[in-house]
């Protein structure tokens, strides 16, 4: 039997039993199926929120073959990409949406971070990441966020008491907000 999940490919399943939250035995296969279903449902939720926010595709029905084709074509045209783990997409979207419209400084800084991460995900070796760095798992995104936070905190310290220092402090704060939101989401899944 072969089970495929977004970030996993498991060719064999043992018959081991695990305890679920009710302390009753469930099989590993049942655990994987539960995780896969939750991941699919969360992906659909994020996809629907994306669809609702896009005014440019009103001629495409959500869930249709055309929608699937549009998503496939535009997967890597944004950050996080449309194939990112749904909890990453959710955390990123929530922080972005929480910035008030009148706070243009934070909105601009967040947009700048989106562009930097977009470029890093396409050209990792040119932008200070290992050449083989891939964004496939939640841990990959957490690594990217933590590297960015550390870099911006270091730059904020170098340029402290200047407008540049304030800018880097804001960059670090916004990505730390995303990282905290991601941790919050992950904790709620346990």
Protein backbone atom coordinates (compact mmCIF):
# COMPACT_ATOMS: atom_id res chain seq x y z
CA UNK A 1 0.00 0.00 0.00
CA UNK A 2 1.24 3.52 -0.74
CA UNK A 3 -0.06 6.64 0.98
CA UNK A 4 0.80 10.07 -0.38
CA UNK A 5 0.51 13.23 1.64
CA UNK A 6 1.60 16.68 0.66
CA UNK A 7 5.03 16.32 2.26
CA UNK A 8 5.31 12.59 2.79
CA UNK A 9 5.52 9.45 0.71
CA UNK A 10 5.16 6.30 2.76
CA UNK A 11 5.50 2.96 1.01
CA UNK A 12 4.96 0.60 3.92
CA UNK A 13 2.75 0.70 6.95
CA UNK A 14 3.39 -1.37 10.02
CA UNK A 15 0.54 -2.65 12.12
CA UNK A 16 1.68 -0.75 15.19
CA UNK A 17 -1.01 0.81 17.31
CA UNK A 18 -0.93 4.31 18.76
CA UNK A 19 -3.03 6.02 21.38
CA UNK A 20 -5.12 8.96 20.28
CA UNK A 21 -6.30 11.83 22.49
CA UNK A 22 -9.07 9.64 23.94
CA UNK A 23 -6.38 7.12 24.93
CA UNK A 24 -7.87 4.48 22.67
CA UNK A 25 -5.76 2.54 20.20
CA UNK A 26 -5.67 3.59 16.57
CA UNK A 27 -3.44 2.37 13.77
CA UNK A 28 -0.64 4.38 12.20
CA UNK A 29 -2.59 4.29 8.94
CA UNK A 30 -5.57 5.89 10.70
CA UNK A 31 -3.27 8.56 12.14
CA UNK A 32 -1.91 9.37 8.68
CA UNK A 33 -5.38 9.44 7.17
CA UNK A 34 -6.51 11.86 9.88
CA UNK A 35 -3.52 14.15 9.23
CA UNK A 36 -4.09 13.97 5.46
CA UNK A 37 -7.78 14.84 5.80
CA UNK A 38 -7.02 17.77 8.11
CA UNK A 39 -4.34 19.03 5.69
CA UNK A 40 -6.74 18.74 2.72
CA UNK A 41 -9.49 20.57 4.61
CA UNK A 42 -7.15 23.37 5.68
CA UNK A 43 -5.83 23.69 2.13
CA UNK A 44 -9.40 24.05 0.85
CA UNK A 45 -10.11 26.72 3.47
CA UNK A 46 -7.00 28.70 2.49
CA UNK A 47 -7.78 28.23 -1.22
CA UNK A 48 -11.32 29.54 -0.69
CA UNK A 49 -10.03 32.59 1.18
CA UNK A 50 -7.58 33.24 -1.65
CA UNK A 51 -10.30 32.77 -4.26
CA UNK A 52 -12.62 35.18 -2.44
CA UNK A 53 -9.87 37.83 -2.31
CA UNK A 54 -9.15 37.66 -6.06
CA UNK A 55 -11.31 39.90 -8.20
CA UNK A 56 -9.46 39.08 -11.41
CA UNK A 57 -10.75 35.51 -11.79
CA UNK A 58 -14.50 36.02 -11.52
CA UNK A 59 -15.02 33.90 -14.64
CA UNK A 60 -13.54 30.83 -12.88
CA UNK A 61 -15.67 28.83 -10.47
CA UNK A 62 -14.05 27.76 -7.20
CA UNK A 63 -13.27 24.04 -7.19
CA UNK A 64 -13.60 23.69 -10.96
CA UNK A 65 -10.99 22.25 -13.31
CA UNK A 66 -10.27 25.82 -14.42
CA UNK A 67 -9.57 26.79 -10.79
CA UNK A 68 -7.21 23.83 -10.40
CA UNK A 69 -5.44 24.83 -13.62
CA UNK A 70 -5.20 28.46 -12.45
CA UNK A 71 -3.72 27.34 -9.13
CA UNK A 72 -1.22 25.06 -10.86
CA UNK A 73 -0.13 27.87 -13.19
CA UNK A 74 0.19 30.42 -10.37
CA UNK A 75 1.54 28.20 -7.56
CA UNK A 76 4.88 29.99 -7.33
CA UNK A 77 3.74 33.51 -8.22
CA UNK A 78 3.34 34.53 -4.59
CA UNK A 79 4.75 33.99 -1.14
CA UNK A 80 4.05 31.68 0.48
CA UNK A 81 3.46 29.59 -2.63
CA UNK A 82 0.06 27.97 -3.07
CA UNK A 83 1.53 24.54 -2.32
CA UNK A 84 2.94 25.65 1.05
CA UNK A 85 1.60 23.82 4.10
CA UNK A 86 -1.80 25.33 4.90
CA UNK A 87 -0.77 26.38 8.42
CA UNK A 88 2.03 28.48 6.89
CA UNK A 89 -0.37 30.10 4.42
CA UNK A 90 -2.87 30.71 7.23
CA UNK A 91 -0.33 32.28 9.60
CA UNK A 92 1.07 34.51 6.83
CA UNK A 93 -2.38 35.63 5.68
CA UNK A 94 -3.61 36.33 9.22
CA UNK A 95 -0.65 38.55 10.09
CA UNK A 96 -0.93 40.36 6.74
CA UNK A 97 -4.66 40.95 7.24
CA UNK A 98 -4.14 42.13 10.83
CA UNK A 99 -2.09 45.15 9.73
CA UNK A 100 -4.44 48.16 9.64
CA UNK A 101 -4.80 49.84 6.23
CA UNK A 102 -3.73 53.18 7.68
CA UNK A 103 -0.45 51.69 8.94
CA UNK A 104 1.30 52.12 5.61
CA UNK A 105 4.77 51.73 7.13
CA UNK A 106 3.97 48.19 8.38
CA UNK A 107 2.04 47.29 5.23
CA UNK A 108 4.96 48.38 3.04
CA UNK A 109 7.43 46.50 5.25
CA UNK A 110 5.33 43.35 5.09
CA UNK A 111 5.07 43.63 1.29
CA UNK A 112 8.85 44.09 1.13
CA UNK A 113 9.30 40.91 3.19
CA UNK A 114 6.97 39.06 0.80
CA UNK A 115 9.15 40.11 -2.12
CA UNK A 116 12.37 39.11 -0.34
CA UNK A 117 10.98 35.69 0.57
CA UNK A 118 9.60 35.24 -2.95
CA UNK A 119 13.08 35.89 -4.37
CA UNK A 120 14.76 33.68 -1.76
CA UNK A 121 12.42 30.81 -2.58
CA UNK A 122 13.32 31.08 -6.28
CA UNK A 123 17.03 31.93 -5.99
CA UNK A 124 18.19 30.67 -2.57
CA UNK A 125 21.92 30.53 -3.36
CA UNK A 126 21.97 34.11 -4.67
CA UNK A 127 20.29 35.44 -1.55
CA UNK A 128 22.28 33.86 1.24
CA UNK A 129 20.63 30.46 1.57
CA UNK A 130 22.12 27.06 0.71
CA UNK A 131 21.70 26.28 -3.00
CA UNK A 132 19.66 23.17 -2.24
CA UNK A 133 17.33 24.96 0.21
CA UNK A 134 13.72 24.04 -0.53
CA UNK A 135 10.49 25.17 1.06
CA UNK A 136 8.62 21.89 1.42
CA UNK A 137 7.84 21.48 5.09
CA UNK A 138 6.76 23.61 8.01
CA UNK A 139 10.28 23.26 9.42
CA UNK A 140 11.71 24.71 6.18
CA UNK A 141 9.51 27.79 6.57
CA UNK A 142 10.37 28.13 10.26
CA UNK A 143 14.08 27.94 9.34
CA UNK A 144 13.61 30.65 6.70
CA UNK A 145 11.70 32.88 9.12
CA UNK A 146 14.22 32.40 11.93
CA UNK A 147 17.16 33.16 9.61
CA UNK A 148 15.39 36.32 8.46
CA UNK A 149 14.56 37.42 12.00
CA UNK A 150 18.20 36.93 13.09
CA UNK A 151 19.52 38.81 10.03
CA UNK A 152 17.16 41.76 10.58
CA UNK A 153 17.90 41.90 14.32
CA UNK A 154 21.62 41.99 13.54
CA UNK A 155 21.11 44.79 10.98
CA UNK A 156 18.87 46.68 13.42
CA UNK A 157 21.68 46.53 15.99
CA UNK A 158 24.26 47.76 13.45
CA UNK A 159 22.02 50.67 12.40
CA UNK A 160 20.47 51.37 15.82
CA UNK A 161 19.16 54.87 16.46
CA UNK A 162 18.68 55.49 12.72
CA UNK A 163 15.73 55.14 10.39
CA UNK A 164 17.48 52.11 8.84
CA UNK A 165 17.66 50.47 12.26
CA UNK A 166 13.95 51.14 12.80
CA UNK A 167 13.19 49.57 9.43
CA UNK A 168 15.09 46.37 10.25
CA UNK A 169 13.46 46.21 13.68
CA UNK A 170 10.04 46.40 11.99
CA UNK A 171 11.00 43.69 9.47
CA UNK A 172 12.08 41.39 12.31
CA UNK A 173 8.92 42.13 14.31
CA UNK A 174 6.58 41.34 11.41
CA UNK A 175 8.24 38.02 10.60
CA UNK A 176 8.37 37.18 14.32
CA UNK A 177 4.59 37.79 14.34
CA UNK A 178 4.22 35.26 11.50
CA UNK A 179 6.47 32.78 13.30
CA UNK A 180 4.48 33.20 16.53
CA UNK A 181 1.19 32.76 14.67
CA UNK A 182 2.58 29.63 13.04
CA UNK A 183 3.60 28.25 16.45
CA UNK A 184 0.12 29.07 17.74
CA UNK A 185 -1.47 27.18 14.83
CA UNK A 186 0.83 24.19 15.29
CA UNK A 187 0.09 24.05 19.01
CA UNK A 188 -3.66 24.08 18.30
CA UNK A 189 -3.24 21.03 16.01
CA UNK A 190 -1.76 18.90 18.79
